[in-house]
Every structure is written in structure tokens, then in C-alpha cells.
Amino acid sequence: MGDLEIRAAVTEDVPAIVGMLADDPLGSQRESPDDLTPYLAALERLTADPNQHLVVAVREGRVVGTLQLTVIPGLSRRGATRSVIEAVRIHADERGSGLGTRLIEWAIAESRRQGCQLVQLTSDATRTDAHRFYERLGFTASHVGFKLPL
């Protein structure tokens, strides 16, 4: 699989991240790779928040994957801290290489390191391949998610 570095995202990574976010039927409808301004502002907010971890996977100097991990302290479950994995994307020519597994394993390990008792994620109902992937990694489809656009 070659040398792989998983590290915090920086400004120079934003075009590659946005490109991966836009590279599927859902993302192509909601992302705007031609205008990076809102993404750069979002990166500033993420970087300033110690509970947010936007990471990239880099191989041979090229960004080939990304995800966001959010750590959430809470009162439920006896004051448990949980984490949420979001926006997992793998570059098209890396899919099926095991990179997605490596990124999720990183997120689980980081969640443990941060004292989380639970890691969770959501996946669009249409992403059936992703659902099978997460189930293979031990995640269970235990809840129904709801969204309200604002």
C-alpha cells in the first residue's frame, strides 16, 4: 500500500478535499469546487476548535483520502464522551485499496485516545456500498437519522 501519512488538513489540502467531496452523485449536487472561499473559512473554524479533527491521508505527497472526526462531551451514558465520523472520502483511484479501512481505524484509535466510549457515524441512505463497508468494520445500523435543512 506504500507509505501513508494521516495528518491534520492544512490550507493547501482544501482543493483536493473539496474535489473528493464533490466526486460522487450526492456531493456533485452540494459542493462547489470552483469557489473555495467557504471551505477555507470552514477550515479556520475547524482548526480553532480542539474537538474537531479534519485529517487527510497523504501518499507520495498527494492527498488521497479525508475524514472529519468530532469529539463530543456529553451527559448521557453516564457522562460519556463520543465521537462522530463525518465526510469520509477516498480518491477514486484509491478505492478498494484498504485506505478507507486505515482512515476509519485511525478515527477509532484517536477516539479511544481522546477518552471516547462510543464512535458513531451517519451515511446517506443511498450509499449501500458504504453501509456494507461500515458493517464489515463492526459498526451496526442501530438508529434512524433525521435532518432538517436550515
C-alpha atoms as a PDB file:
ATOM      1  CA  MET A   1       0.000   0.000   0.000  1.00  0.00           C
ATOM      2  CA  GLY A   2       3.035   2.276   0.156  1.00  0.00           C
ATOM      3  CA  ASP A   3       3.882   4.914   2.693  1.00  0.00           C
ATOM      4  CA  LEU A   4       0.826   6.665   4.038  1.00  0.00           C
ATOM      5  CA  GLU A   5       0.663   9.660   6.344  1.00  0.00           C
ATOM      6  CA  ILE A   6      -2.534  10.654   8.153  1.00  0.00           C
ATOM      7  CA  ARG A   7      -2.251  14.227   9.356  1.00  0.00           C
ATOM      8  CA  ALA A   8      -4.241  17.357  10.099  1.00  0.00           C
ATOM      9  CA  ALA A   9      -5.520  19.111   6.989  1.00  0.00           C
ATOM     10  CA  VAL A  10      -3.943  22.430   6.043  1.00  0.00           C
ATOM     11  CA  THR A  11      -4.983  25.204   3.676  1.00  0.00           C
ATOM     12  CA  GLU A  12      -3.097  23.687   0.742  1.00  0.00           C
ATOM     13  CA  ASP A  13      -5.154  20.482   1.093  1.00  0.00           C
ATOM     14  CA  VAL A  14      -8.534  22.185   0.645  1.00  0.00           C
ATOM     15  CA  PRO A  15      -8.760  21.891  -3.178  1.00  0.00           C
ATOM     16  CA  ALA A  16      -8.075  18.137  -3.013  1.00  0.00           C
ATOM     17  CA  ILE A  17     -10.535  17.641  -0.127  1.00  0.00           C
ATOM     18  CA  VAL A  18     -13.287  19.551  -1.903  1.00  0.00           C
ATOM     19  CA  GLY A  19     -12.567  17.631  -5.091  1.00  0.00           C
ATOM     20  CA  MET A  20     -13.150  14.352  -3.239  1.00  0.00           C
ATOM     21  CA  LEU A  21     -16.291  15.705  -1.548  1.00  0.00           C
ATOM     22  CA  ALA A  22     -17.685  16.629  -4.964  1.00  0.00           C
ATOM     23  CA  ASP A  23     -16.699  13.365  -6.667  1.00  0.00           C
ATOM     24  CA  ASP A  24     -19.912  11.382  -6.310  1.00  0.00           C
ATOM     25  CA  PRO A  25     -23.579  11.830  -7.271  1.00  0.00           C
ATOM     26  CA  LEU A  26     -24.563  13.377  -3.921  1.00  0.00           C
ATOM     27  CA  GLY A  27     -21.510  15.578  -3.500  1.00  0.00           C
ATOM     28  CA  SER A  28     -21.655  16.863  -7.052  1.00  0.00           C
ATOM     29  CA  GLN A  29     -25.040  18.421  -6.202  1.00  0.00           C
ATOM     30  CA  ARG A  30     -23.961  20.156  -2.995  1.00  0.00           C
ATOM     31  CA  GLU A  31     -20.270  21.069  -3.324  1.00  0.00           C
ATOM     32  CA  SER A  32     -18.692  23.961  -5.259  1.00  0.00           C
ATOM     33  CA  PRO A  33     -15.056  23.186  -6.104  1.00  0.00           C
ATOM     34  CA  ASP A  34     -14.807  26.388  -8.173  1.00  0.00           C
ATOM     35  CA  ASP A  35     -15.266  28.614  -5.092  1.00  0.00           C
ATOM     36  CA  LEU A  36     -13.043  27.584  -2.191  1.00  0.00           C
ATOM     37  CA  THR A  37     -13.878  30.645  -0.055  1.00  0.00           C
ATOM     38  CA  PRO A  38     -16.478  28.940   2.195  1.00  0.00           C
ATOM     39  CA  TYR A  39     -14.274  25.861   2.596  1.00  0.00           C
ATOM     40  CA  LEU A  40     -11.270  27.932   3.652  1.00  0.00           C
ATOM     41  CA  ALA A  41     -13.418  29.750   6.229  1.00  0.00           C
ATOM     42  CA  ALA A  42     -14.684  26.390   7.482  1.00  0.00           C
ATOM     43  CA  LEU A  43     -11.124  25.085   7.814  1.00  0.00           C
ATOM     44  CA  GLU A  44     -10.272  28.096  10.003  1.00  0.00           C
ATOM     45  CA  ARG A  45     -13.235  27.314  12.291  1.00  0.00           C
ATOM     46  CA  LEU A  46     -12.327  23.624  12.421  1.00  0.00           C
ATOM     47  CA  THR A  47      -8.675  24.318  13.166  1.00  0.00           C
ATOM     48  CA  ALA A  48      -9.626  26.663  16.027  1.00  0.00           C
ATOM     49  CA  ASP A  49     -11.819  24.019  17.710  1.00  0.00           C
ATOM     50  CA  PRO A  50      -9.872  21.374  19.681  1.00  0.00           C
ATOM     51  CA  ASN A  51     -12.793  18.926  19.359  1.00  0.00           C
ATOM     52  CA  GLN A  52     -12.603  18.941  15.550  1.00  0.00           C
ATOM     53  CA  HIS A  53     -10.109  16.857  13.619  1.00  0.00           C
ATOM     54  CA  LEU A  54     -10.138  17.245   9.845  1.00  0.00           C
ATOM     55  CA  VAL A  55      -7.475  14.884   8.555  1.00  0.00           C
ATOM     56  CA  VAL A  56      -6.075  13.868   5.219  1.00  0.00           C
ATOM     57  CA  ALA A  57      -4.354  10.707   4.097  1.00  0.00           C
ATOM     58  CA  VAL A  58      -1.304  11.545   2.006  1.00  0.00           C
ATOM     59  CA  ARG A  59       0.666   9.166  -0.182  1.00  0.00           C
ATOM     60  CA  GLU A  60       3.718  10.322  -2.150  1.00  0.00           C
ATOM     61  CA  GLY A  61       2.802  13.971  -1.498  1.00  0.00           C
ATOM     62  CA  ARG A  62      -0.749  13.557  -2.810  1.00  0.00           C
ATOM     63  CA  VAL A  63      -3.964  13.827  -0.757  1.00  0.00           C
ATOM     64  CA  VAL A  64      -5.800  10.543  -1.346  1.00  0.00           C
ATOM     65  CA  GLY A  65      -8.368  10.486   1.475  1.00  0.00           C
ATOM     66  CA  THR A  66     -10.024  12.564   4.158  1.00  0.00           C
ATOM     67  CA  LEU A  67     -12.410  12.454   7.085  1.00  0.00           C
ATOM     68  CA  GLN A  68     -13.616  14.659   9.901  1.00  0.00           C
ATOM     69  CA  LEU A  69     -13.729  13.417  13.488  1.00  0.00           C
ATOM     70  CA  THR A  70     -15.694  15.385  16.080  1.00  0.00           C
ATOM     71  CA  VAL A  71     -15.331  14.683  19.803  1.00  0.00           C
ATOM     72  CA  ILE A  72     -18.487  15.439  21.798  1.00  0.00           C
ATOM     73  CA  PRO A  73     -18.552  15.507  25.599  1.00  0.00           C
ATOM     74  CA  GLY A  74     -21.983  14.644  26.959  1.00  0.00           C
ATOM     75  CA  LEU A  75     -24.153  13.832  29.944  1.00  0.00           C
ATOM     76  CA  SER A  76     -25.964  10.780  28.588  1.00  0.00           C
ATOM     77  CA  ARG A  77     -24.477   7.309  29.039  1.00  0.00           C
ATOM     78  CA  ARG A  78     -23.111   8.325  32.443  1.00  0.00           C
ATOM     79  CA  GLY A  79     -21.301  11.389  31.100  1.00  0.00           C
ATOM     80  CA  ALA A  80     -19.770   9.588  28.155  1.00  0.00           C
ATOM     81  CA  THR A  81     -17.724  11.300  25.520  1.00  0.00           C
ATOM     82  CA  ARG A  82     -18.477  10.161  21.985  1.00  0.00           C
ATOM     83  CA  SER A  83     -17.053  10.874  18.596  1.00  0.00           C
ATOM     84  CA  VAL A  84     -18.687  11.304  15.222  1.00  0.00           C
ATOM     85  CA  ILE A  85     -17.011  10.395  11.947  1.00  0.00           C
ATOM     86  CA  GLU A  86     -18.124  12.534   9.005  1.00  0.00           C
ATOM     87  CA  ALA A  87     -17.237  13.209   5.377  1.00  0.00           C
ATOM     88  CA  VAL A  88     -15.180  10.089   4.716  1.00  0.00           C
ATOM     89  CA  ARG A  89     -13.870  10.285   1.172  1.00  0.00           C
ATOM     90  CA  ILE A  90     -11.317   8.266  -0.744  1.00  0.00           C
ATOM     91  CA  HIS A  91      -9.848   9.424  -4.055  1.00  0.00           C
ATOM     92  CA  ALA A  92     -11.384   7.463  -6.943  1.00  0.00           C
ATOM     93  CA  ASP A  93      -8.146   5.734  -7.906  1.00  0.00           C
ATOM     94  CA  GLU A  94      -7.571   4.578  -4.298  1.00  0.00           C
ATOM     95  CA  ARG A  95     -10.964   2.976  -3.679  1.00  0.00           C
ATOM     96  CA  GLY A  96     -10.708  -0.702  -2.828  1.00  0.00           C
ATOM     97  CA  SER A  97      -7.080  -0.331  -1.700  1.00  0.00           C
ATOM     98  CA  GLY A  98      -7.754  -0.583   2.051  1.00  0.00           C
ATOM     99  CA  LEU A  99      -7.278   3.149   2.554  1.00  0.00           C
ATOM    100  CA  GLY A 100     -10.835   3.634   3.848  1.00  0.00           C
ATOM    101  CA  THR A 101     -10.217   0.966   6.481  1.00  0.00           C
ATOM    102  CA  ARG A 102      -6.968   2.664   7.503  1.00  0.00           C
ATOM    103  CA  LEU A 103      -8.739   6.020   7.907  1.00  0.00           C
ATOM    104  CA  ILE A 104     -11.569   4.544   9.986  1.00  0.00           C
ATOM    105  CA  GLU A 105      -9.053   2.643  12.131  1.00  0.00           C
ATOM    106  CA  TRP A 106      -7.230   5.935  12.699  1.00  0.00           C
ATOM    107  CA  ALA A 107     -10.520   7.599  13.742  1.00  0.00           C
ATOM    108  CA  ILE A 108     -11.361   4.773  16.160  1.00  0.00           C
ATOM    109  CA  ALA A 109      -7.870   4.853  17.697  1.00  0.00           C
ATOM    110  CA  GLU A 110      -7.981   8.653  18.030  1.00  0.00           C
ATOM    111  CA  SER A 111     -11.438   8.387  19.622  1.00  0.00           C
ATOM    112  CA  ARG A 112     -10.069   5.959  22.198  1.00  0.00           C
ATOM    113  CA  ARG A 113      -7.067   8.214  22.808  1.00  0.00           C
ATOM    114  CA  GLN A 114      -9.458  11.116  23.461  1.00  0.00           C
ATOM    115  CA  GLY A 115     -11.407   9.043  26.015  1.00  0.00           C
ATOM    116  CA  CYS A 116     -14.490   8.383  23.907  1.00  0.00           C
ATOM    117  CA  GLN A 117     -16.759   5.498  24.918  1.00  0.00           C
ATOM    118  CA  LEU A 118     -18.621   5.421  21.603  1.00  0.00           C
ATOM    119  CA  VAL A 119     -17.877   6.267  17.997  1.00  0.00           C
ATOM    120  CA  GLN A 120     -20.738   6.852  15.602  1.00  0.00           C
ATOM    121  CA  LEU A 121     -21.367   7.939  12.053  1.00  0.00           C
ATOM    122  CA  THR A 122     -24.183   8.507   9.625  1.00  0.00           C
ATOM    123  CA  SER A 123     -24.302   7.542   5.987  1.00  0.00           C
ATOM    124  CA  ASP A 124     -26.774   8.682   3.370  1.00  0.00           C
ATOM    125  CA  ALA A 125     -29.484   6.073   2.844  1.00  0.00           C
ATOM    126  CA  THR A 126     -28.476   5.713  -0.817  1.00  0.00           C
ATOM    127  CA  ARG A 127     -24.850   4.762  -0.042  1.00  0.00           C
ATOM    128  CA  THR A 128     -25.408   0.997   0.236  1.00  0.00           C
ATOM    129  CA  ASP A 129     -21.773   0.141  -0.563  1.00  0.00           C
ATOM    130  CA  ALA A 130     -20.658   2.411   2.280  1.00  0.00           C
ATOM    131  CA  HIS A 131     -23.132   0.721   4.623  1.00  0.00           C
ATOM    132  CA  ARG A 132     -21.607  -2.690   3.865  1.00  0.00           C
ATOM    133  CA  PHE A 133     -18.122  -1.215   4.408  1.00  0.00           C
ATOM    134  CA  TYR A 134     -19.016   0.189   7.842  1.00  0.00           C
ATOM    135  CA  GLU A 135     -20.722  -3.046   8.875  1.00  0.00           C
ATOM    136  CA  ARG A 136     -17.572  -5.005   7.920  1.00  0.00           C
ATOM    137  CA  LEU A 137     -15.667  -2.724  10.300  1.00  0.00           C
ATOM    138  CA  GLY A 138     -18.026  -3.556  13.181  1.00  0.00           C
ATOM    139  CA  PHE A 139     -20.480  -0.656  13.035  1.00  0.00           C
ATOM    140  CA  THR A 140     -24.170  -1.519  13.421  1.00  0.00           C
ATOM    141  CA  ALA A 141     -27.129   0.303  11.887  1.00  0.00           C
ATOM    142  CA  SER A 142     -28.737   0.915  15.278  1.00  0.00           C
ATOM    143  CA  HIS A 143     -30.546   4.231  14.800  1.00  0.00           C
ATOM    144  CA  VAL A 144     -32.609   6.159  12.276  1.00  0.00           C
ATOM    145  CA  GLY A 145     -31.184   9.591  11.446  1.00  0.00           C
ATOM    146  CA  PHE A 146     -33.142  12.744  10.728  1.00  0.00           C
ATOM    147  CA  LYS A 147     -32.106  16.055   9.171  1.00  0.00           C
ATOM    148  CA  LEU A 148     -33.760  19.449   8.879  1.00  0.00           C
ATOM    149  CA  PRO A 149     -32.230  21.882   6.372  1.00  0.00           C
ATOM    150  CA  LEU A 150     -31.938  25.404   7.786  1.00  0.00           C
END
